[in-house]
Amino acid sequence: MNEFTLDELNLLLAVFAKAGVEESAGEEGEMLQRLKAAQANRQELEEMQFDDCLGGACKL
């Protein structure tokens, strides 16, 4: 499965913001919510340090 990079997710969120889409706006709002969740997850993964996984305490 192809996943968006953090930069791509940030760009998509910016496009939704410029379009004035709100999270309560039906299908578009649902997509915005999913994009925000994906962006937060991707951000967390990219900020994770390899040391975070030492001793079996990895968040993955």
Protein backbone atom coordinates (compact mmCIF):
# COMPACT_ATOMS: atom_id res chain seq x y z
CA MET A 1 0.00 0.00 0.00
CA ASN A 2 1.30 3.44 -0.87
CA GLU A 3 1.31 5.86 2.05
CA PHE A 4 1.64 9.62 1.96
CA THR A 5 4.76 11.25 3.34
CA LEU A 6 4.48 13.76 6.17
CA ASP A 7 5.04 16.61 3.69
CA GLU A 8 2.27 15.30 1.44
CA LEU A 9 -0.14 14.98 4.37
CA ASN A 10 0.69 18.52 5.50
CA LEU A 11 0.05 19.76 1.96
CA LEU A 12 -3.31 17.98 1.80
CA LEU A 13 -4.33 19.49 5.13
CA ALA A 14 -3.37 22.93 3.83
CA VAL A 15 -5.53 22.40 0.75
CA PHE A 16 -8.49 21.36 2.91
CA ALA A 17 -7.95 24.46 5.08
CA LYS A 18 -7.85 26.77 2.03
CA ALA A 19 -11.04 25.14 0.77
CA GLY A 20 -12.68 25.87 4.12
CA VAL A 21 -13.59 22.25 4.80
CA GLU A 22 -14.70 21.62 8.37
CA GLU A 23 -14.69 18.29 10.18
CA SER A 24 -18.48 18.40 10.40
CA ALA A 25 -18.90 18.78 6.61
CA GLY A 26 -20.15 15.32 5.63
CA GLU A 27 -17.87 13.12 3.54
CA GLU A 28 -15.31 15.88 3.10
CA GLY A 29 -15.19 16.36 6.87
CA GLU A 30 -14.70 12.64 7.39
CA MET A 31 -11.79 12.70 4.94
CA LEU A 32 -10.32 15.69 6.81
CA GLN A 33 -10.55 13.79 10.09
CA ARG A 34 -8.80 10.77 8.54
CA LEU A 35 -6.07 12.98 7.08
CA LYS A 36 -5.49 14.66 10.45
CA ALA A 37 -5.20 11.27 12.15
CA ALA A 38 -2.81 10.00 9.46
CA GLN A 39 -0.72 13.17 9.74
CA ALA A 40 -0.48 12.83 13.52
CA ASN A 41 0.56 9.17 13.24
CA ARG A 42 3.14 9.93 10.54
CA GLN A 43 4.51 12.84 12.59
CA GLU A 44 4.91 10.57 15.62
CA LEU A 45 6.69 7.91 13.57
CA GLU A 46 9.09 10.40 12.02
CA GLU A 47 9.91 11.97 15.39
CA MET A 48 10.56 8.59 17.01
CA GLN A 49 14.15 8.02 17.99
CA PHE A 50 15.71 4.60 17.62
CA ASP A 51 16.44 4.77 21.35
CA ASP A 52 12.66 4.73 21.95
CA CYS A 53 12.70 1.01 21.07
CA LEU A 54 15.46 -0.06 23.44
CA GLY A 55 14.43 -2.56 26.08
CA GLY A 56 11.24 -3.56 24.25
CA ALA A 57 9.48 -0.27 24.92
CA CYS A 58 8.90 0.55 21.26
CA LYS A 59 5.58 2.24 20.45
CA LEU A 60 5.17 0.36 17.19
